[in-house]
PDB file of N, CA and C in Angstrom:
ATOM      1  N   MET A   1      27.101 -15.459  29.407  1.00  0.00           N
ATOM      2  CA  MET A   1      26.045 -14.543  28.573  1.00  0.00           C
ATOM      3  C   MET A   1      27.496 -14.516  26.876  1.00  0.00           C
ATOM      4  N   ARG A   2      28.088 -14.096  27.064  1.00  0.00           N
ATOM      5  CA  ARG A   2      29.046 -13.910  25.550  1.00  0.00           C
ATOM      6  C   ARG A   2      28.763 -15.467  24.757  1.00  0.00           C
ATOM      7  N   ARG A   3      29.002 -16.218  25.613  1.00  0.00           N
ATOM      8  CA  ARG A   3      28.553 -17.870  24.747  1.00  0.00           C
ATOM      9  C   ARG A   3      27.185 -17.344  24.323  1.00  0.00           C
ATOM     10  N   THR A   4      26.240 -17.299  24.529  1.00  0.00           N
ATOM     11  CA  THR A   4      25.020 -17.306  23.929  1.00  0.00           C
ATOM     12  C   THR A   4      24.994 -15.323  23.138  1.00  0.00           C
ATOM     13  N   LEU A   5      25.712 -14.379  23.282  1.00  0.00           N
ATOM     14  CA  LEU A   5      25.291 -13.720  22.479  1.00  0.00           C
ATOM     15  C   LEU A   5      26.532 -14.281  20.557  1.00  0.00           C
ATOM     16  N   LEU A   6      27.152 -15.216  20.809  1.00  0.00           N
ATOM     17  CA  LEU A   6      28.399 -15.599  19.880  1.00  0.00           C
ATOM     18  C   LEU A   6      27.250 -16.526  19.322  1.00  0.00           C
ATOM     19  N   SER A   7      26.381 -17.177  20.066  1.00  0.00           N
ATOM     20  CA  SER A   7      25.764 -18.194  19.589  1.00  0.00           C
ATOM     21  C   SER A   7      24.691 -17.768  18.764  1.00  0.00           C
ATOM     22  N   PHE A   8      24.235 -16.625  19.201  1.00  0.00           N
ATOM     23  CA  PHE A   8      23.228 -15.880  18.944  1.00  0.00           C
ATOM     24  C   PHE A   8      23.423 -15.109  17.731  1.00  0.00           C
ATOM     25  N   ALA A   9      24.437 -14.818  17.718  1.00  0.00           N
ATOM     26  CA  ALA A   9      25.504 -13.532  16.235  1.00  0.00           C
ATOM     27  C   ALA A   9      25.207 -14.744  15.311  1.00  0.00           C
ATOM     28  N   ARG A  10      25.747 -16.053  15.270  1.00  0.00           N
ATOM     29  CA  ARG A  10      25.934 -17.190  14.614  1.00  0.00           C
ATOM     30  C   ARG A  10      24.954 -17.526  13.578  1.00  0.00           C
ATOM     31  N   SER A  11      23.596 -17.844  14.194  1.00  0.00           N
ATOM     32  CA  SER A  11      22.872 -18.616  14.025  1.00  0.00           C
ATOM     33  C   SER A  11      22.029 -17.590  12.306  1.00  0.00           C
ATOM     34  N   LYS A  12      21.160 -19.150  12.377  1.00  0.00           N
ATOM     35  CA  LYS A  12      20.282 -17.520  11.086  1.00  0.00           C
ATOM     36  C   LYS A  12      19.159 -17.304  11.734  1.00  0.00           C
ATOM     37  N   ASP A  13      18.573 -17.507  13.083  1.00  0.00           N
ATOM     38  CA  ASP A  13      17.899 -15.919  13.563  1.00  0.00           C
ATOM     39  C   ASP A  13      18.897 -14.976  14.264  1.00  0.00           C
ATOM     40  N   GLY A  14      20.277 -14.975  14.613  1.00  0.00           N
ATOM     41  CA  GLY A  14      20.998 -13.839  14.959  1.00  0.00           C
ATOM     42  C   GLY A  14      21.229 -13.159  13.586  1.00  0.00           C
ATOM     43  N   ALA A  15      21.273 -13.469  12.301  1.00  0.00           N
ATOM     44  CA  ALA A  15      21.635 -12.391  11.240  1.00  0.00           C
ATOM     45  C   ALA A  15      20.646 -11.882  10.368  1.00  0.00           C
ATOM     46  N   THR A  16      19.427 -12.704  11.041  1.00  0.00           N
ATOM     47  CA  THR A  16      17.769 -12.167  10.660  1.00  0.00           C
ATOM     48  C   THR A  16      17.364 -11.058  11.716  1.00  0.00           C
ATOM     49  N   ALA A  17      18.025 -11.564  12.469  1.00  0.00           N
ATOM     50  CA  ALA A  17      17.953  -9.847  13.624  1.00  0.00           C
ATOM     51  C   ALA A  17      18.406  -8.718  13.537  1.00  0.00           C
ATOM     52  N   ILE A  18      19.816  -9.175  13.165  1.00  0.00           N
ATOM     53  CA  ILE A  18      20.405  -8.323  13.123  1.00  0.00           C
ATOM     54  C   ILE A  18      19.871  -7.390  11.512  1.00  0.00           C
ATOM     55  N   GLU A  19      19.355  -8.286  10.465  1.00  0.00           N
ATOM     56  CA  GLU A  19      19.746  -7.060   9.409  1.00  0.00           C
ATOM     57  C   GLU A  19      18.222  -6.517   9.098  1.00  0.00           C
ATOM     58  N   TYR A  20      16.994  -7.250  10.677  1.00  0.00           N
ATOM     59  CA  TYR A  20      15.889  -6.129  10.445  1.00  0.00           C
ATOM     60  C   TYR A  20      16.114  -4.779  11.275  1.00  0.00           C
ATOM     61  N   ALA A  21      17.288  -5.187  12.366  1.00  0.00           N
ATOM     62  CA  ALA A  21      17.717  -4.452  13.241  1.00  0.00           C
ATOM     63  C   ALA A  21      18.429  -2.822  12.378  1.00  0.00           C
ATOM     64  N   VAL A  22      18.791  -3.271  11.047  1.00  0.00           N
ATOM     65  CA  VAL A  22      20.044  -2.141  10.347  1.00  0.00           C
ATOM     66  C   VAL A  22      18.481  -1.688   8.821  1.00  0.00           C
ATOM     67  N   ILE A  23      17.459  -2.742   8.806  1.00  0.00           N
ATOM     68  CA  ILE A  23      16.772  -2.227   8.199  1.00  0.00           C
ATOM     69  C   ILE A  23      15.725  -1.205   9.217  1.00  0.00           C
ATOM     70  N   ALA A  24      15.458  -1.084   9.772  1.00  0.00           N
ATOM     71  CA  ALA A  24      14.983  -0.561  11.252  1.00  0.00           C
ATOM     72  C   ALA A  24      15.659   0.889  11.516  1.00  0.00           C
ATOM     73  N   ALA A  25      17.009   0.825  11.508  1.00  0.00           N
ATOM     74  CA  ALA A  25      18.012   2.267  11.721  1.00  0.00           C
ATOM     75  C   ALA A  25      17.830   2.472  10.393  1.00  0.00           C
ATOM     76  N   ILE A  26      18.256   2.188   9.268  1.00  0.00           N
ATOM     77  CA  ILE A  26      17.752   2.703   7.551  1.00  0.00           C
ATOM     78  C   ILE A  26      16.566   3.383   8.105  1.00  0.00           C
ATOM     79  N   LEU A  27      15.335   3.249   8.037  1.00  0.00           N
ATOM     80  CA  LEU A  27      13.942   3.363   7.784  1.00  0.00           C
ATOM     81  C   LEU A  27      14.100   4.940   8.787  1.00  0.00           C
ATOM     82  N   ALA A  28      14.493   4.697   9.896  1.00  0.00           N
ATOM     83  CA  ALA A  28      14.648   5.762  11.146  1.00  0.00           C
ATOM     84  C   ALA A  28      15.083   6.761  10.559  1.00  0.00           C
ATOM     85  N   ILE A  29      16.447   6.462  10.009  1.00  0.00           N
ATOM     86  CA  ILE A  29      17.358   7.902   9.590  1.00  0.00           C
ATOM     87  C   ILE A  29      16.686   8.598   8.554  1.00  0.00           C
ATOM     88  N   ALA A  30      15.805   7.753   7.019  1.00  0.00           N
ATOM     89  CA  ALA A  30      14.894   8.061   6.455  1.00  0.00           C
ATOM     90  C   ALA A  30      13.715   9.215   7.170  1.00  0.00           C
ATOM     91  N   VAL A  31      13.004   8.747   7.965  1.00  0.00           N
ATOM     92  CA  VAL A  31      12.079   9.411   9.317  1.00  0.00           C
ATOM     93  C   VAL A  31      12.522  11.066   9.192  1.00  0.00           C
ATOM     94  N   VAL A  32      13.426  10.720  10.219  1.00  0.00           N
ATOM     95  CA  VAL A  32      13.955  11.794  10.788  1.00  0.00           C
ATOM     96  C   VAL A  32      14.157  13.091   9.739  1.00  0.00           C
ATOM     97  N   ALA A  33      14.983  12.285   8.537  1.00  0.00           N
ATOM     98  CA  ALA A  33      15.435  13.389   7.932  1.00  0.00           C
ATOM     99  C   ALA A  33      14.640  14.098   6.559  1.00  0.00           C
ATOM    100  N   GLY A  34      13.349  13.193   6.345  1.00  0.00           N
ATOM    101  CA  GLY A  34      12.314  13.963   5.815  1.00  0.00           C
ATOM    102  C   GLY A  34      11.837  14.701   6.945  1.00  0.00           C
ATOM    103  N   ALA A  35      11.662  14.217   7.965  1.00  0.00           N
ATOM    104  CA  ALA A  35      10.396  15.310   8.697  1.00  0.00           C
ATOM    105  C   ALA A  35      11.398  16.308   9.145  1.00  0.00           C
ATOM    106  N   THR A  36      12.804  16.485   9.463  1.00  0.00           N
ATOM    107  CA  THR A  36      13.860  17.637   9.089  1.00  0.00           C
ATOM    108  C   THR A  36      13.348  18.560   8.242  1.00  0.00           C
ATOM    109  N   LEU A  37      13.272  17.645   6.921  1.00  0.00           N
ATOM    110  CA  LEU A  37      12.954  19.103   5.779  1.00  0.00           C
ATOM    111  C   LEU A  37      12.331  19.532   5.635  1.00  0.00           C
ATOM    112  N   PHE A  38      11.020  18.375   5.734  1.00  0.00           N
ATOM    113  CA  PHE A  38       9.556  19.032   5.592  1.00  0.00           C
ATOM    114  C   PHE A  38       9.045  19.754   6.880  1.00  0.00           C
ATOM    115  N   GLY A  39       9.698  20.002   7.874  1.00  0.00           N
ATOM    116  CA  GLY A  39      10.080  20.716   8.930  1.00  0.00           C
ATOM    117  C   GLY A  39      10.210  22.258   8.362  1.00  0.00           C
ATOM    118  N   SER A  40      11.454  22.429   7.666  1.00  0.00           N
ATOM    119  CA  SER A  40      12.086  23.600   7.930  1.00  0.00           C
ATOM    120  C   SER A  40      11.642  24.007   6.874  1.00  0.00           C
ATOM    121  N   THR A  41      10.556  23.048   5.185  1.00  0.00           N
ATOM    122  CA  THR A  41      10.025  23.811   4.954  1.00  0.00           C
ATOM    123  C   THR A  41       8.816  24.416   4.449  1.00  0.00           C
ATOM    124  N   VAL A  42       7.790  24.080   5.969  1.00  0.00           N
ATOM    125  CA  VAL A  42       6.741  24.362   6.212  1.00  0.00           C
ATOM    126  C   VAL A  42       7.229  25.493   7.087  1.00  0.00           C
ATOM    127  N   ASN A  43       8.554  25.663   7.556  1.00  0.00           N
ATOM    128  CA  ASN A  43       8.656  27.002   9.037  1.00  0.00           C
ATOM    129  C   ASN A  43       9.102  28.515   7.702  1.00  0.00           C
ATOM    130  N   SER A  44       9.706  27.811   6.849  1.00  0.00           N
ATOM    131  CA  SER A  44      10.098  28.839   5.597  1.00  0.00           C
ATOM    132  C   SER A  44       8.129  29.201   5.257  1.00  0.00           C
ATOM    133  N   GLN A  45       7.635  28.433   4.729  1.00  0.00           N
ATOM    134  CA  GLN A  45       6.514  28.965   4.560  1.00  0.00           C
ATOM    135  C   GLN A  45       5.777  29.903   5.393  1.00  0.00           C
ATOM    136  N   LEU A  46       5.165  29.596   6.369  1.00  0.00           N
ATOM    137  CA  LEU A  46       4.550  30.209   7.362  1.00  0.00           C
ATOM    138  C   LEU A  46       5.086  31.469   7.517  1.00  0.00           C
ATOM    139  N   LYS A  47       6.786  31.601   8.154  1.00  0.00           N
ATOM    140  CA  LYS A  47       7.696  32.727   8.108  1.00  0.00           C
ATOM    141  C   LYS A  47       6.819  33.661   7.079  1.00  0.00           C
ATOM    142  N   THR A  48       6.923  33.025   5.516  1.00  0.00           N
ATOM    143  CA  THR A  48       6.913  34.346   4.540  1.00  0.00           C
ATOM    144  C   THR A  48       5.250  34.224   5.084  1.00  0.00           C
ATOM    145  N   VAL A  49       4.383  33.720   5.348  1.00  0.00           N
ATOM    146  CA  VAL A  49       2.886  34.306   5.364  1.00  0.00           C
ATOM    147  C   VAL A  49       2.914  35.027   6.198  1.00  0.00           C
ATOM    148  N   ALA A  50       3.318  34.925   8.183  1.00  0.00           N
ATOM    149  CA  ALA A  50       3.412  36.438   8.609  1.00  0.00           C
ATOM    150  C   ALA A  50       3.669  37.256   8.724  1.00  0.00           C
ATOM    151  N   ASP A  51       5.498  37.424   7.960  1.00  0.00           N
ATOM    152  CA  ASP A  51       5.877  38.568   7.081  1.00  0.00           C
ATOM    153  C   ASP A  51       4.739  39.517   6.395  1.00  0.00           C
ATOM    154  N   LYS A  52       4.151  38.394   5.437  1.00  0.00           N
ATOM    155  CA  LYS A  52       2.839  39.101   4.803  1.00  0.00           C
ATOM    156  C   LYS A  52       2.008  39.712   5.193  1.00  0.00           C
ATOM    157  N   VAL A  53       1.538  38.823   6.186  1.00  0.00           N
ATOM    158  CA  VAL A  53       0.124  39.446   7.501  1.00  0.00           C
ATOM    159  C   VAL A  53       0.609  40.646   8.320  1.00  0.00           C
ATOM    160  N   ALA A  54       2.383  40.434   8.459  1.00  0.00           N
ATOM    161  CA  ALA A  54       2.893  41.980   9.443  1.00  0.00           C
ATOM    162  C   ALA A  54       2.906  43.198   8.398  1.00  0.00           C
ATOM    163  N   ALA A  55       3.477  43.196   7.147  1.00  0.00           N
ATOM    164  CA  ALA A  55       3.162  44.142   6.381  1.00  0.00           C
ATOM    165  C   ALA A  55       2.070  44.614   5.606  1.00  0.00           C
ATOM    166  N   SER A  56       1.029  43.875   5.876  1.00  0.00           N
ATOM    167  CA  SER A  56      -0.123  44.422   5.209  1.00  0.00           C
ATOM    168  C   SER A  56      -0.718  45.664   6.345  1.00  0.00           C
ATOM    169  N   PRO A  57      -1.641  46.616   5.639  1.00  0.00           N
ATOM    170  CA  PRO A  57      -1.967  47.436   6.374  1.00  0.00           C
ATOM    171  C   PRO A  57      -2.760  47.449   7.365  1.00  0.00           C
TER     172      PRO A  57
END
């Protein structure tokens, strides 16, 4: 098992797979960060609207 993992890591296919995994991880982090930022903004806007509706006569 260890030999298989080492040969995979040393081969070009292993390097390519690792590169794709790093790219996928970076994209996942960017998506989560963007969704968090977007969610906070939407939440703030909805709270503002809810406050104005609650304050109206």
